Amino acid sequence: MTTELNDIQQALFKKAAAKLLDVPDGATPAEVHAALLRKVQEAEFVPAPGLVNVSIHRRRVARRLNGGTRRKHSPQGSKH
């Protein structure tokens, strides 16, 4: 089931989020993201290990989709 928000609901959610994050109503996505990261840091939030793994996986997938290749790690101290 998906929930669609109408324009009024979207505006209310954006206004509430802006108030919670202490950003102006017309803040850019980059400003909102930065404010969210500051709040997370202030709260000393540490994500569950599963969430960290998902984040790493998403970065790997994004890198591959953008034409990147898999990073090659060599064991520490080995010489190639």
N, C-alpha and C. Protein backbone atom coordinates (compact mmCIF):
# COMPACT_ATOMS: atom_id res chain seq x y z
N MET A 1 0.85 -1.18 0.00
CA MET A 1 0.00 0.00 0.00
C MET A 1 0.89 1.24 0.00
N THR A 2 0.62 2.16 -0.88
CA THR A 2 1.35 3.42 -0.90
C THR A 2 0.42 4.53 -0.45
N THR A 3 1.00 5.51 0.17
CA THR A 3 0.22 6.65 0.65
C THR A 3 0.65 7.88 -0.13
N GLU A 4 -0.27 8.45 -0.82
CA GLU A 4 0.00 9.66 -1.58
C GLU A 4 -0.40 10.87 -0.73
N LEU A 5 0.44 11.88 -0.75
CA LEU A 5 0.13 13.10 -0.01
C LEU A 5 -0.34 14.17 -0.98
N ASN A 6 -1.36 14.91 -0.57
CA ASN A 6 -1.79 16.01 -1.42
C ASN A 6 -0.89 17.22 -1.15
N ASP A 7 -1.05 18.25 -1.92
CA ASP A 7 -0.19 19.44 -1.81
C ASP A 7 -0.24 20.07 -0.41
N ILE A 8 -1.40 20.09 0.19
CA ILE A 8 -1.55 20.69 1.52
C ILE A 8 -0.78 19.85 2.55
N GLN A 9 -0.92 18.53 2.49
CA GLN A 9 -0.21 17.66 3.42
C GLN A 9 1.30 17.79 3.25
N GLN A 10 1.75 17.83 1.99
CA GLN A 10 3.19 17.98 1.73
C GLN A 10 3.71 19.28 2.33
N ALA A 11 2.96 20.36 2.15
CA ALA A 11 3.37 21.66 2.68
C ALA A 11 3.44 21.62 4.21
N LEU A 12 2.47 20.96 4.84
CA LEU A 12 2.47 20.86 6.30
C LEU A 12 3.66 20.04 6.81
N PHE A 13 3.95 18.93 6.14
CA PHE A 13 5.10 18.11 6.54
C PHE A 13 6.41 18.88 6.36
N LYS A 14 6.54 19.59 5.25
CA LYS A 14 7.77 20.36 5.01
C LYS A 14 7.93 21.46 6.05
N LYS A 15 6.83 22.12 6.41
CA LYS A 15 6.89 23.19 7.40
C LYS A 15 7.27 22.63 8.77
N ALA A 16 6.69 21.47 9.14
CA ALA A 16 7.02 20.85 10.42
C ALA A 16 8.48 20.40 10.45
N ALA A 17 8.95 19.83 9.35
CA ALA A 17 10.35 19.39 9.28
C ALA A 17 11.29 20.57 9.37
N ALA A 18 10.96 21.66 8.69
CA ALA A 18 11.80 22.87 8.72
C ALA A 18 11.89 23.40 10.15
N LYS A 19 10.76 23.37 10.86
CA LYS A 19 10.75 23.85 12.25
C LYS A 19 11.62 22.94 13.14
N LEU A 20 11.49 21.62 12.97
CA LEU A 20 12.27 20.68 13.77
C LEU A 20 13.77 20.81 13.52
N LEU A 21 14.13 21.10 12.26
CA LEU A 21 15.54 21.17 11.89
C LEU A 21 16.12 22.58 11.96
N ASP A 22 15.29 23.54 12.33
CA ASP A 22 15.73 24.94 12.41
C ASP A 22 16.28 25.45 11.09
N VAL A 23 15.54 25.20 10.01
CA VAL A 23 15.90 25.73 8.69
C VAL A 23 14.72 26.55 8.18
N PRO A 24 14.98 27.50 7.27
CA PRO A 24 13.88 28.28 6.73
C PRO A 24 12.94 27.41 5.88
N ASP A 25 11.70 27.85 5.72
CA ASP A 25 10.70 27.09 4.96
C ASP A 25 11.19 26.75 3.55
N GLY A 26 11.90 27.62 2.91
CA GLY A 26 12.34 27.39 1.53
C GLY A 26 13.74 26.81 1.43
N ALA A 27 14.19 26.10 2.45
CA ALA A 27 15.55 25.56 2.48
C ALA A 27 15.76 24.57 1.33
N THR A 28 16.98 24.56 0.81
CA THR A 28 17.32 23.63 -0.25
C THR A 28 17.50 22.23 0.34
N PRO A 29 17.42 21.21 -0.50
CA PRO A 29 17.67 19.85 0.02
C PRO A 29 19.04 19.73 0.70
N ALA A 30 20.05 20.39 0.17
CA ALA A 30 21.39 20.34 0.77
C ALA A 30 21.38 20.97 2.16
N GLU A 31 20.66 22.07 2.34
CA GLU A 31 20.57 22.72 3.66
C GLU A 31 19.83 21.83 4.66
N VAL A 32 18.77 21.18 4.19
CA VAL A 32 18.00 20.29 5.06
C VAL A 32 18.86 19.08 5.45
N HIS A 33 19.57 18.52 4.49
CA HIS A 33 20.44 17.37 4.77
C HIS A 33 21.51 17.74 5.79
N ALA A 34 22.14 18.89 5.62
CA ALA A 34 23.16 19.34 6.55
C ALA A 34 22.58 19.54 7.95
N ALA A 35 21.39 20.12 8.03
CA ALA A 35 20.74 20.34 9.32
C ALA A 35 20.39 19.01 9.98
N LEU A 36 19.93 18.05 9.19
CA LEU A 36 19.62 16.73 9.74
C LEU A 36 20.87 16.06 10.29
N LEU A 37 21.98 16.15 9.56
CA LEU A 37 23.22 15.56 10.04
C LEU A 37 23.70 16.22 11.33
N ARG A 38 23.52 17.54 11.44
CA ARG A 38 23.87 18.23 12.69
C ARG A 38 23.03 17.71 13.86
N LYS A 39 21.73 17.54 13.63
CA LYS A 39 20.84 17.05 14.69
C LYS A 39 21.23 15.63 15.10
N VAL A 40 21.56 14.80 14.13
CA VAL A 40 21.97 13.43 14.42
C VAL A 40 23.24 13.44 15.26
N GLN A 41 24.18 14.30 14.89
CA GLN A 41 25.43 14.40 15.64
C GLN A 41 25.18 14.92 17.05
N GLU A 42 24.33 15.93 17.18
CA GLU A 42 24.00 16.47 18.50
C GLU A 42 23.38 15.41 19.41
N ALA A 43 22.59 14.53 18.82
CA ALA A 43 21.93 13.48 19.59
C ALA A 43 22.85 12.29 19.84
N GLU A 44 24.06 12.35 19.30
CA GLU A 44 25.04 11.26 19.42
C GLU A 44 24.43 9.94 18.96
N PHE A 45 23.67 10.01 17.87
CA PHE A 45 23.02 8.83 17.31
C PHE A 45 24.05 7.93 16.64
N VAL A 46 23.94 6.65 16.93
CA VAL A 46 24.79 5.65 16.28
C VAL A 46 23.85 4.64 15.64
N PRO A 47 23.89 4.51 14.29
CA PRO A 47 22.96 3.59 13.64
C PRO A 47 23.26 2.13 13.99
N ALA A 48 22.22 1.34 13.92
CA ALA A 48 22.38 -0.10 14.13
C ALA A 48 23.28 -0.67 13.04
N PRO A 49 24.05 -1.72 13.33
CA PRO A 49 24.95 -2.29 12.33
C PRO A 49 24.27 -2.61 11.01
N GLY A 50 23.04 -3.07 11.04
CA GLY A 50 22.32 -3.38 9.80
C GLY A 50 22.14 -2.15 8.93
N LEU A 51 21.88 -1.00 9.54
CA LEU A 51 21.71 0.22 8.78
C LEU A 51 23.01 0.67 8.15
N VAL A 52 24.11 0.48 8.85
CA VAL A 52 25.41 0.86 8.31
C VAL A 52 25.72 -0.01 7.10
N ASN A 53 25.45 -1.31 7.19
CA ASN A 53 25.71 -2.21 6.08
C ASN A 53 24.87 -1.84 4.87
N VAL A 54 23.62 -1.43 5.07
CA VAL A 54 22.77 -1.02 3.97
C VAL A 54 23.35 0.21 3.30
N SER A 55 23.85 1.15 4.09
CA SER A 55 24.44 2.37 3.54
C SER A 55 25.66 2.04 2.69
N ILE A 56 26.51 1.15 3.17
CA ILE A 56 27.70 0.77 2.42
C ILE A 56 27.30 0.09 1.13
N HIS A 57 26.29 -0.79 1.19
CA HIS A 57 25.82 -1.48 -0.01
C HIS A 57 25.28 -0.48 -1.03
N ARG A 58 24.50 0.49 -0.56
CA ARG A 58 23.95 1.49 -1.49
C ARG A 58 25.05 2.27 -2.19
N ARG A 59 26.10 2.62 -1.46
CA ARG A 59 27.22 3.34 -2.08
C ARG A 59 27.89 2.49 -3.14
N ARG A 60 28.07 1.20 -2.85
CA ARG A 60 28.69 0.30 -3.82
C ARG A 60 27.84 0.19 -5.07
N VAL A 61 26.54 0.03 -4.89
CA VAL A 61 25.64 -0.08 -6.03
C VAL A 61 25.66 1.20 -6.84
N ALA A 62 25.60 2.35 -6.17
CA ALA A 62 25.62 3.63 -6.87
C ALA A 62 26.91 3.80 -7.66
N ARG A 63 28.03 3.40 -7.07
CA ARG A 63 29.32 3.52 -7.74
C ARG A 63 29.32 2.67 -9.01
N ARG A 64 28.80 1.46 -8.92
CA ARG A 64 28.77 0.58 -10.09
C ARG A 64 27.82 1.11 -11.16
N LEU A 65 26.67 1.62 -10.74
CA LEU A 65 25.72 2.16 -11.71
C LEU A 65 26.28 3.39 -12.43
N ASN A 66 27.15 4.11 -11.77
CA ASN A 66 27.76 5.29 -12.37
C ASN A 66 29.03 4.97 -13.14
N GLY A 67 29.25 3.68 -13.43
CA GLY A 67 30.39 3.30 -14.24
C GLY A 67 31.64 2.98 -13.46
N GLY A 68 31.58 3.02 -12.15
CA GLY A 68 32.74 2.71 -11.34
C GLY A 68 32.97 1.22 -11.27
N THR A 69 34.10 0.85 -10.78
CA THR A 69 34.41 -0.56 -10.62
C THR A 69 34.58 -0.88 -9.16
N ARG A 70 34.62 -2.14 -8.86
CA ARG A 70 34.80 -2.59 -7.48
C ARG A 70 36.19 -2.24 -7.00
N ARG A 71 36.27 -1.75 -5.77
CA ARG A 71 37.58 -1.44 -5.20
C ARG A 71 38.33 -2.72 -4.92
N LYS A 72 39.61 -2.69 -5.18
CA LYS A 72 40.43 -3.85 -4.90
C LYS A 72 41.23 -3.59 -3.63
N HIS A 73 41.06 -4.48 -2.68
CA HIS A 73 41.79 -4.37 -1.42
C HIS A 73 42.87 -5.43 -1.39
N SER A 74 44.05 -5.01 -1.03
CA SER A 74 45.10 -6.01 -0.87
C SER A 74 45.37 -6.18 0.61
N PRO A 75 45.73 -7.39 1.00
CA PRO A 75 46.02 -7.60 2.42
C PRO A 75 47.13 -6.68 2.89
N GLN A 76 47.03 -6.25 4.10
CA GLN A 76 48.00 -5.31 4.65
C GLN A 76 49.39 -5.97 4.65
N GLY A 77 50.35 -5.23 4.14
CA GLY A 77 51.72 -5.71 4.13
C GLY A 77 52.09 -6.52 2.90
N SER A 78 51.09 -6.86 2.06
CA SER A 78 51.44 -7.64 0.87
C SER A 78 51.99 -6.72 -0.20
N LYS A 79 52.84 -7.26 -1.02
CA LYS A 79 53.46 -6.46 -2.09
C LYS A 79 53.07 -7.05 -3.42
N HIS A 80 52.58 -6.17 -4.30
CA HIS A 80 52.17 -6.62 -5.63
C HIS A 80 53.04 -5.97 -6.66
